Amino acid sequence: MTVLAADGRALIVAMDHARTQGYTAGLEDPGKVIETVIDAGADGIMTSFGIIKRYRNQLIGRIPTMMRMDGGPSLFREDWLANTEWSLLHTMEEAQLLGVDAAVVMLFMGIPVEMRTMQIVAEMANGSLRNHIPVMVEALPAPSERVPDAKAPRAMAAACRLAFEHGADYVKTYYTGTVEGMKEVIANTPVPVLVAGGTKMDTDLETLQVVYECMQAGAKGVVFGRNIWQSEKPHAMVRALKRIIHEDATAIEAHEELKR
């Protein structure tokens, strides 16, 4: 089983943000977001246990669905990438009962929860052998004494390689900021790499340009959330992103479609 489309690429919509943020602008009505991105032709949705449980009939069998399996304290307790606690919250058996297509877990490199996240990745990878559910690992360097620049290509490449070595079938990580830097990350990772969107970018064109550069570097697609469902035109944004990912369009070409 694969989370990628027939051409080996994918646009996956992330919808797990409220699991840590609580209130999240744009995700007030998950069912509406689900219908919008499915209608626009998204290749998959990555979301939380609660959303899958509540909107299961809108997801399972209609679009490849990936479930976030782990988690830590909310942002009301501590900052992202400064996590002091992290736990496995759901099992592969639960994922199988819900009918999901892939499991998603974190690997934080450089902070005290690093070893715990490695254990979780390994546990999920072991479970995937029995349940035939692939594992996507979101591999992120965290700013720390030994990781002074978390966006440095070498740091990103190291985090992604650690995810692979512990059993990831797919790796999700941040964009390094340059095509050459991203090429270094991808060359060091023997499984497909997809790029996370992170915070909402300033303009639609910036969003499209980042995706174009990631694809030029060899990424297999993106896992974007806020840059889709916080867009003024989420349906059109999905279609524009698909043009870059599946049709090799440039950012300018995709932006023209977005404006239309």
C-alpha atoms as a PDB file:
ATOM      1  CA  MET A   1       0.000   0.000   0.000  1.00  0.00           C
ATOM      2  CA  THR A   2       1.250   3.495  -0.769  1.00  0.00           C
ATOM      3  CA  VAL A   3       0.239   7.015   0.218  1.00  0.00           C
ATOM      4  CA  LEU A   4       1.463   8.315  -3.137  1.00  0.00           C
ATOM      5  CA  ALA A   5      -0.608   8.716  -6.298  1.00  0.00           C
ATOM      6  CA  ALA A   6      -0.024   6.584  -9.388  1.00  0.00           C
ATOM      7  CA  ASP A   7       2.806   8.856 -10.575  1.00  0.00           C
ATOM      8  CA  GLY A   8       4.674   8.418  -7.279  1.00  0.00           C
ATOM      9  CA  ARG A   9       3.844  11.933  -6.051  1.00  0.00           C
ATOM     10  CA  ALA A  10       1.252  13.325  -3.670  1.00  0.00           C
ATOM     11  CA  LEU A  11      -0.477  16.415  -2.344  1.00  0.00           C
ATOM     12  CA  ILE A  12      -1.558  15.538   1.178  1.00  0.00           C
ATOM     13  CA  VAL A  13      -3.655  17.936   3.238  1.00  0.00           C
ATOM     14  CA  ALA A  14      -2.659  18.111   6.907  1.00  0.00           C
ATOM     15  CA  MET A  15      -5.515  18.563   9.380  1.00  0.00           C
ATOM     16  CA  ASP A  16      -4.007  17.602  12.746  1.00  0.00           C
ATOM     17  CA  HIS A  17      -3.155  21.110  13.986  1.00  0.00           C
ATOM     18  CA  ALA A  18      -5.984  21.462  16.517  1.00  0.00           C
ATOM     19  CA  ARG A  19      -4.590  18.444  18.363  1.00  0.00           C
ATOM     20  CA  THR A  20      -1.949  20.758  19.847  1.00  0.00           C
ATOM     21  CA  GLN A  21      -3.365  24.227  19.181  1.00  0.00           C
ATOM     22  CA  GLY A  22      -6.973  23.663  20.223  1.00  0.00           C
ATOM     23  CA  TYR A  23      -8.646  26.581  18.469  1.00  0.00           C
ATOM     24  CA  THR A  24      -7.360  26.733  14.886  1.00  0.00           C
ATOM     25  CA  ALA A  25      -8.643  29.250  12.338  1.00  0.00           C
ATOM     26  CA  GLY A  26      -9.758  27.466   9.186  1.00  0.00           C
ATOM     27  CA  LEU A  27     -10.430  24.119  10.874  1.00  0.00           C
ATOM     28  CA  GLU A  28     -13.593  25.083  12.735  1.00  0.00           C
ATOM     29  CA  ASP A  29     -15.612  22.768  10.463  1.00  0.00           C
ATOM     30  CA  PRO A  30     -13.448  19.748   9.559  1.00  0.00           C
ATOM     31  CA  GLY A  31     -16.211  18.198   7.473  1.00  0.00           C
ATOM     32  CA  LYS A  32     -16.327  21.234   5.212  1.00  0.00           C
ATOM     33  CA  VAL A  33     -12.543  21.206   4.735  1.00  0.00           C
ATOM     34  CA  ILE A  34     -12.630  17.492   3.930  1.00  0.00           C
ATOM     35  CA  GLU A  35     -15.281  17.980   1.242  1.00  0.00           C
ATOM     36  CA  THR A  36     -13.463  20.976  -0.239  1.00  0.00           C
ATOM     37  CA  VAL A  37     -10.099  19.262  -0.635  1.00  0.00           C
ATOM     38  CA  ILE A  38     -11.578  15.980  -1.885  1.00  0.00           C
ATOM     39  CA  ASP A  39     -13.585  17.860  -4.507  1.00  0.00           C
ATOM     40  CA  ALA A  40     -10.444  19.770  -5.538  1.00  0.00           C
ATOM     41  CA  GLY A  41      -8.554  16.512  -6.060  1.00  0.00           C
ATOM     42  CA  ALA A  42      -6.186  16.214  -3.077  1.00  0.00           C
ATOM     43  CA  ASP A  43      -4.297  12.910  -2.986  1.00  0.00           C
ATOM     44  CA  GLY A  44      -4.658  12.323   0.748  1.00  0.00           C
ATOM     45  CA  ILE A  45      -5.549  13.719   4.155  1.00  0.00           C
ATOM     46  CA  MET A  46      -3.422  13.478   7.282  1.00  0.00           C
ATOM     47  CA  THR A  47      -5.377  14.102  10.470  1.00  0.00           C
ATOM     48  CA  SER A  48      -6.139  13.137  14.066  1.00  0.00           C
ATOM     49  CA  PHE A  49      -7.895  10.175  15.657  1.00  0.00           C
ATOM     50  CA  GLY A  50     -10.804  12.395  16.697  1.00  0.00           C
ATOM     51  CA  ILE A  51     -11.449  13.782  13.203  1.00  0.00           C
ATOM     52  CA  ILE A  52     -11.238  10.337  11.615  1.00  0.00           C
ATOM     53  CA  LYS A  53     -13.606   8.892  14.223  1.00  0.00           C
ATOM     54  CA  ARG A  54     -16.161  11.699  13.752  1.00  0.00           C
ATOM     55  CA  TYR A  55     -15.887  12.078   9.947  1.00  0.00           C
ATOM     56  CA  ARG A  56     -15.030   8.502   9.074  1.00  0.00           C
ATOM     57  CA  ASN A  57     -17.776   8.185   6.453  1.00  0.00           C
ATOM     58  CA  GLN A  58     -16.413  11.244   4.631  1.00  0.00           C
ATOM     59  CA  LEU A  59     -12.856   9.927   4.653  1.00  0.00           C
ATOM     60  CA  ILE A  60     -12.385   6.172   4.598  1.00  0.00           C
ATOM     61  CA  GLY A  61     -12.795   4.723   1.133  1.00  0.00           C
ATOM     62  CA  ARG A  62     -13.029   8.187  -0.445  1.00  0.00           C
ATOM     63  CA  ILE A  63      -9.466   9.457  -0.001  1.00  0.00           C
ATOM     64  CA  PRO A  64      -6.249   7.937   1.403  1.00  0.00           C
ATOM     65  CA  THR A  65      -6.274   8.835   5.093  1.00  0.00           C
ATOM     66  CA  MET A  66      -3.270   9.062   7.415  1.00  0.00           C
ATOM     67  CA  MET A  67      -3.665   9.141  11.196  1.00  0.00           C
ATOM     68  CA  ARG A  68      -1.464  10.980  13.686  1.00  0.00           C
ATOM     69  CA  MET A  69      -0.570   8.330  16.274  1.00  0.00           C
ATOM     70  CA  ASP A  70       1.490  10.265  18.811  1.00  0.00           C
ATOM     71  CA  GLY A  71       1.450  13.570  20.629  1.00  0.00           C
ATOM     72  CA  GLY A  72       2.654  15.807  23.423  1.00  0.00           C
ATOM     73  CA  PRO A  73       1.418  18.726  25.511  1.00  0.00           C
ATOM     74  CA  SER A  74      -0.610  21.486  23.894  1.00  0.00           C
ATOM     75  CA  LEU A  75       0.901  24.831  22.934  1.00  0.00           C
ATOM     76  CA  PHE A  76      -0.666  26.204  26.119  1.00  0.00           C
ATOM     77  CA  ARG A  77       1.884  24.130  28.026  1.00  0.00           C
ATOM     78  CA  GLU A  78       5.061  24.411  25.950  1.00  0.00           C
ATOM     79  CA  ASP A  79       6.388  25.558  22.588  1.00  0.00           C
ATOM     80  CA  TRP A  80       6.662  23.394  19.481  1.00  0.00           C
ATOM     81  CA  LEU A  81      10.190  21.961  19.033  1.00  0.00           C
ATOM     82  CA  ALA A  82      10.810  22.515  22.751  1.00  0.00           C
ATOM     83  CA  ASN A  83       8.796  19.486  23.808  1.00  0.00           C
ATOM     84  CA  THR A  84       9.626  17.907  27.148  1.00  0.00           C
ATOM     85  CA  GLU A  85       7.069  15.092  26.834  1.00  0.00           C
ATOM     86  CA  TRP A  86       6.004  12.887  23.940  1.00  0.00           C
ATOM     87  CA  SER A  87       3.941   9.708  23.896  1.00  0.00           C
ATOM     88  CA  LEU A  88       2.388   7.121  21.639  1.00  0.00           C
ATOM     89  CA  LEU A  89      -1.360   7.729  21.956  1.00  0.00           C
ATOM     90  CA  HIS A  90      -2.902   5.179  19.577  1.00  0.00           C
ATOM     91  CA  THR A  91      -2.148   1.656  18.378  1.00  0.00           C
ATOM     92  CA  MET A  92      -1.847   0.067  14.963  1.00  0.00           C
ATOM     93  CA  GLU A  93      -4.869  -2.055  15.879  1.00  0.00           C
ATOM     94  CA  GLU A  94      -6.941   1.112  16.378  1.00  0.00           C
ATOM     95  CA  ALA A  95      -5.692   2.455  13.054  1.00  0.00           C
ATOM     96  CA  GLN A  96      -6.697  -0.789  11.399  1.00  0.00           C
ATOM     97  CA  LEU A  97     -10.170  -0.686  12.991  1.00  0.00           C
ATOM     98  CA  LEU A  98     -10.686   2.830  11.646  1.00  0.00           C
ATOM     99  CA  GLY A  99      -9.518   1.697   8.216  1.00  0.00           C
ATOM    100  CA  VAL A 100      -6.748   4.258   7.761  1.00  0.00           C
ATOM    101  CA  ASP A 101      -4.139   3.948   5.029  1.00  0.00           C
ATOM    102  CA  ALA A 102      -1.026   5.087   6.931  1.00  0.00           C
ATOM    103  CA  ALA A 103       0.222   6.030  10.384  1.00  0.00           C
ATOM    104  CA  VAL A 104       2.117   9.242  11.149  1.00  0.00           C
ATOM    105  CA  VAL A 105       4.534   9.835  14.026  1.00  0.00           C
ATOM    106  CA  MET A 106       7.244  12.356  14.938  1.00  0.00           C
ATOM    107  CA  LEU A 107      11.001  12.122  15.323  1.00  0.00           C
ATOM    108  CA  PHE A 108      12.479  15.118  17.123  1.00  0.00           C
ATOM    109  CA  MET A 109      16.267  15.332  16.873  1.00  0.00           C
ATOM    110  CA  GLY A 110      18.356  17.193  19.437  1.00  0.00           C
ATOM    111  CA  ILE A 111      15.995  17.566  22.410  1.00  0.00           C
ATOM    112  CA  PRO A 112      15.394  15.309  25.450  1.00  0.00           C
ATOM    113  CA  VAL A 113      12.393  13.528  23.881  1.00  0.00           C
ATOM    114  CA  GLU A 114      14.548  12.373  20.946  1.00  0.00           C
ATOM    115  CA  MET A 115      15.006   8.819  22.265  1.00  0.00           C
ATOM    116  CA  ARG A 116      11.323   8.445  23.087  1.00  0.00           C
ATOM    117  CA  THR A 117      10.342   9.463  19.550  1.00  0.00           C
ATOM    118  CA  MET A 118      12.845   6.976  18.115  1.00  0.00           C
ATOM    119  CA  GLN A 119      11.251   4.254  20.221  1.00  0.00           C
ATOM    120  CA  ILE A 120       7.816   5.234  18.927  1.00  0.00           C
ATOM    121  CA  VAL A 121       9.011   5.180  15.302  1.00  0.00           C
ATOM    122  CA  ALA A 122      10.513   1.721  15.822  1.00  0.00           C
ATOM    123  CA  GLU A 123       7.367   0.443  17.534  1.00  0.00           C
ATOM    124  CA  MET A 124       5.153   1.731  14.726  1.00  0.00           C
ATOM    125  CA  ALA A 125       7.495   0.275  12.092  1.00  0.00           C
ATOM    126  CA  ASN A 126       7.355  -3.109  13.811  1.00  0.00           C
ATOM    127  CA  GLY A 127       3.563  -2.910  13.951  1.00  0.00           C
ATOM    128  CA  SER A 128       3.380  -2.044  10.274  1.00  0.00           C
ATOM    129  CA  LEU A 129       4.886  -5.434   9.420  1.00  0.00           C
ATOM    130  CA  ARG A 130       1.892  -7.147  11.040  1.00  0.00           C
ATOM    131  CA  ASN A 131      -0.852  -4.722  10.027  1.00  0.00           C
ATOM    132  CA  HIS A 132       0.453  -3.676   6.591  1.00  0.00           C
ATOM    133  CA  ILE A 133      -0.038   0.005   7.419  1.00  0.00           C
ATOM    134  CA  PRO A 134       2.918   2.128   6.216  1.00  0.00           C
ATOM    135  CA  VAL A 135       4.484   4.682   8.524  1.00  0.00           C
ATOM    136  CA  MET A 136       5.219   8.298   7.686  1.00  0.00           C
ATOM    137  CA  VAL A 137       7.689   9.937  10.048  1.00  0.00           C
ATOM    138  CA  GLU A 138       7.809  13.706  10.475  1.00  0.00           C
ATOM    139  CA  ALA A 139      11.520  14.172  11.119  1.00  0.00           C
ATOM    140  CA  LEU A 140      12.513  17.548  12.542  1.00  0.00           C
ATOM    141  CA  PRO A 141      15.754  18.869  14.002  1.00  0.00           C
ATOM    142  CA  ALA A 142      15.001  20.949  17.088  1.00  0.00           C
ATOM    143  CA  PRO A 143      17.033  24.038  18.026  1.00  0.00           C
ATOM    144  CA  SER A 144      19.389  22.982  20.802  1.00  0.00           C
ATOM    145  CA  GLU A 145      23.001  23.120  21.943  1.00  0.00           C
ATOM    146  CA  ARG A 146      24.031  20.520  19.352  1.00  0.00           C
ATOM    147  CA  VAL A 147      21.649  21.760  16.660  1.00  0.00           C
ATOM    148  CA  PRO A 148      22.370  25.496  16.428  1.00  0.00           C
ATOM    149  CA  ASP A 149      20.628  25.825  13.038  1.00  0.00           C
ATOM    150  CA  ALA A 150      17.634  23.531  12.713  1.00  0.00           C
ATOM    151  CA  LYS A 151      17.118  24.466   9.044  1.00  0.00           C
ATOM    152  CA  ALA A 152      20.705  23.638   8.015  1.00  0.00           C
ATOM    153  CA  PRO A 153      20.706  20.967   5.264  1.00  0.00           C
ATOM    154  CA  ARG A 154      23.067  18.720   7.234  1.00  0.00           C
ATOM    155  CA  ALA A 155      20.779  18.826  10.279  1.00  0.00           C
ATOM    156  CA  MET A 156      17.657  18.175   8.193  1.00  0.00           C
ATOM    157  CA  ALA A 157      19.409  15.328   6.370  1.00  0.00           C
ATOM    158  CA  ALA A 158      20.487  13.781   9.670  1.00  0.00           C
ATOM    159  CA  ALA A 159      16.948  13.874  11.086  1.00  0.00           C
ATOM    160  CA  CYS A 160      15.495  12.316   7.945  1.00  0.00           C
ATOM    161  CA  ARG A 161      18.137   9.584   7.892  1.00  0.00           C
ATOM    162  CA  LEU A 162      17.425   8.762  11.542  1.00  0.00           C
ATOM    163  CA  ALA A 163      13.742   8.383  10.661  1.00  0.00           C
ATOM    164  CA  PHE A 164      14.611   6.021   7.817  1.00  0.00           C
ATOM    165  CA  GLU A 165      17.013   3.984   9.939  1.00  0.00           C
ATOM    166  CA  HIS A 166      14.294   3.445  12.563  1.00  0.00           C
ATOM    167  CA  GLY A 167      11.795   2.180  10.012  1.00  0.00           C
ATOM    168  CA  ALA A 168      10.042   5.048   8.198  1.00  0.00           C
ATOM    169  CA  ASP A 169       8.364   4.203   4.888  1.00  0.00           C
ATOM    170  CA  TYR A 170       7.986   7.912   4.082  1.00  0.00           C
ATOM    171  CA  VAL A 171       9.587  10.981   5.615  1.00  0.00           C
ATOM    172  CA  LYS A 172       8.003  14.387   6.079  1.00  0.00           C
ATOM    173  CA  THR A 173      10.252  17.333   6.904  1.00  0.00           C
ATOM    174  CA  TYR A 174      10.667  21.079   6.467  1.00  0.00           C
ATOM    175  CA  TYR A 175      12.078  22.816   3.403  1.00  0.00           C
ATOM    176  CA  THR A 176      15.685  23.888   3.901  1.00  0.00           C
ATOM    177  CA  GLY A 177      15.127  27.132   2.004  1.00  0.00           C
ATOM    178  CA  THR A 178      17.192  26.273  -1.085  1.00  0.00           C
ATOM    179  CA  VAL A 179      16.961  23.684  -3.844  1.00  0.00           C
ATOM    180  CA  GLU A 180      20.571  22.604  -3.309  1.00  0.00           C
ATOM    181  CA  GLY A 181      20.049  22.219   0.419  1.00  0.00           C
ATOM    182  CA  MET A 182      16.938  20.127  -0.138  1.00  0.00           C
ATOM    183  CA  LYS A 183      18.776  17.945  -2.640  1.00  0.00           C
ATOM    184  CA  GLU A 184      21.271  17.098   0.109  1.00  0.00           C
ATOM    185  CA  VAL A 185      18.438  16.016   2.399  1.00  0.00           C
ATOM    186  CA  ILE A 186      16.780  13.865  -0.274  1.00  0.00           C
ATOM    187  CA  ALA A 187      20.045  12.271  -1.420  1.00  0.00           C
ATOM    188  CA  ASN A 188      20.598  11.054   2.147  1.00  0.00           C
ATOM    189  CA  THR A 189      17.094   9.582   2.546  1.00  0.00           C
ATOM    190  CA  PRO A 190      16.379   6.270   0.734  1.00  0.00           C
ATOM    191  CA  VAL A 191      12.574   6.584   1.104  1.00  0.00           C
ATOM    192  CA  PRO A 192      10.226   9.201  -0.423  1.00  0.00           C
ATOM    193  CA  VAL A 193      10.497  12.657   1.144  1.00  0.00           C
ATOM    194  CA  LEU A 194       7.484  14.973   1.393  1.00  0.00           C
ATOM    195  CA  VAL A 195       7.725  18.561   2.590  1.00  0.00           C
ATOM    196  CA  ALA A 196       5.720  20.101   5.426  1.00  0.00           C
ATOM    197  CA  GLY A 197       4.152  23.515   4.940  1.00  0.00           C
ATOM    198  CA  GLY A 198       4.812  24.913   8.409  1.00  0.00           C
ATOM    199  CA  THR A 199       3.301  28.283   9.243  1.00  0.00           C
ATOM    200  CA  LYS A 200       1.090  30.209   6.817  1.00  0.00           C
ATOM    201  CA  MET A 201       3.251  31.890   4.188  1.00  0.00           C
ATOM    202  CA  ASP A 202       2.809  35.558   3.325  1.00  0.00           C
ATOM    203  CA  THR A 203       1.480  35.126  -0.219  1.00  0.00           C
ATOM    204  CA  ASP A 204       0.022  32.432  -2.455  1.00  0.00           C
ATOM    205  CA  LEU A 205       2.897  32.895  -4.895  1.00  0.00           C
ATOM    206  CA  GLU A 206       5.426  32.250  -2.113  1.00  0.00           C
ATOM    207  CA  THR A 207       3.598  29.023  -1.250  1.00  0.00           C
ATOM    208  CA  LEU A 208       3.641  27.875  -4.865  1.00  0.00           C
ATOM    209  CA  GLN A 209       7.294  28.806  -5.304  1.00  0.00           C
ATOM    210  CA  VAL A 210       8.304  26.756  -2.264  1.00  0.00           C
ATOM    211  CA  VAL A 211       6.484  23.715  -3.647  1.00  0.00           C
ATOM    212  CA  TYR A 212       8.052  24.211  -7.076  1.00  0.00           C
ATOM    213  CA  GLU A 213      11.542  24.349  -5.544  1.00  0.00           C
ATOM    214  CA  CYS A 214      10.884  21.256  -3.424  1.00  0.00           C
ATOM    215  CA  MET A 215       9.799  19.305  -6.487  1.00  0.00           C
ATOM    216  CA  GLN A 216      12.875  20.524  -8.390  1.00  0.00           C
ATOM    217  CA  ALA A 217      14.989  19.153  -5.540  1.00  0.00           C
ATOM    218  CA  GLY A 218      13.415  15.708  -5.871  1.00  0.00           C
ATOM    219  CA  ALA A 219      10.686  15.737  -3.228  1.00  0.00           C
ATOM    220  CA  LYS A 220       7.731  13.444  -3.902  1.00  0.00           C
ATOM    221  CA  GLY A 221       5.181  16.020  -2.826  1.00  0.00           C
ATOM    222  CA  VAL A 222       3.993  18.025   0.141  1.00  0.00           C
ATOM    223  CA  VAL A 223       1.933  17.708   3.304  1.00  0.00           C
ATOM    224  CA  PHE A 224       0.363  21.168   3.624  1.00  0.00           C
ATOM    225  CA  GLY A 225      -2.283  22.412   6.023  1.00  0.00           C
ATOM    226  CA  ARG A 226      -2.525  26.110   6.855  1.00  0.00           C
ATOM    227  CA  ASN A 227      -1.330  27.137   3.410  1.00  0.00           C
ATOM    228  CA  ILE A 228      -4.397  25.377   1.997  1.00  0.00           C
ATOM    229  CA  TRP A 229      -7.327  25.719   4.418  1.00  0.00           C
ATOM    230  CA  GLN A 230      -6.307  29.201   5.606  1.00  0.00           C
ATOM    231  CA  SER A 231      -6.060  30.350   1.988  1.00  0.00           C
ATOM    232  CA  GLU A 232      -8.761  32.664   0.658  1.00  0.00           C
ATOM    233  CA  LYS A 233      -9.331  30.092  -2.097  1.00  0.00           C
ATOM    234  CA  PRO A 234      -8.605  26.640  -0.626  1.00  0.00           C
ATOM    235  CA  HIS A 235     -10.206  24.757  -3.518  1.00  0.00           C
ATOM    236  CA  ALA A 236      -8.201  26.712  -6.087  1.00  0.00           C
ATOM    237  CA  MET A 237      -5.025  26.364  -4.008  1.00  0.00           C
ATOM    238  CA  VAL A 238      -5.303  22.568  -4.065  1.00  0.00           C
ATOM    239  CA  ARG A 239      -5.714  22.629  -7.835  1.00  0.00           C
ATOM    240  CA  ALA A 240      -2.762  25.007  -8.265  1.00  0.00           C
ATOM    241  CA  LEU A 241      -0.527  22.858  -6.066  1.00  0.00           C
ATOM    242  CA  LYS A 242      -1.542  19.764  -8.007  1.00  0.00           C
ATOM    243  CA  ARG A 243      -0.413  21.426 -11.236  1.00  0.00           C
ATOM    244  CA  ILE A 244       3.095  21.812  -9.810  1.00  0.00           C
ATOM    245  CA  ILE A 245       3.259  18.378  -8.190  1.00  0.00           C
ATOM    246  CA  HIS A 246       1.650  16.266 -10.922  1.00  0.00           C
ATOM    247  CA  GLU A 247       2.032  18.332 -14.086  1.00  0.00           C
ATOM    248  CA  ASP A 248       5.469  19.923 -13.529  1.00  0.00           C
ATOM    249  CA  ALA A 249       4.026  23.430 -13.818  1.00  0.00           C
ATOM    250  CA  THR A 250       6.075  26.387 -12.615  1.00  0.00           C
ATOM    251  CA  ALA A 251       4.961  28.545  -9.691  1.00  0.00           C
ATOM    252  CA  ILE A 252       4.004  31.339 -12.113  1.00  0.00           C
ATOM    253  CA  GLU A 253       1.891  28.963 -14.228  1.00  0.00           C
ATOM    254  CA  ALA A 254       0.149  27.582 -11.149  1.00  0.00           C
ATOM    255  CA  HIS A 255      -0.415  31.116  -9.820  1.00  0.00           C
ATOM    256  CA  GLU A 256      -2.175  32.083 -13.055  1.00  0.00           C
ATOM    257  CA  GLU A 257      -4.556  29.179 -12.548  1.00  0.00           C
ATOM    258  CA  LEU A 258      -5.100  30.198  -8.933  1.00  0.00           C
ATOM    259  CA  LYS A 259      -6.040  33.714 -10.018  1.00  0.00           C
ATOM    260  CA  ARG A 260      -8.500  32.344 -12.583  1.00  0.00           C
END
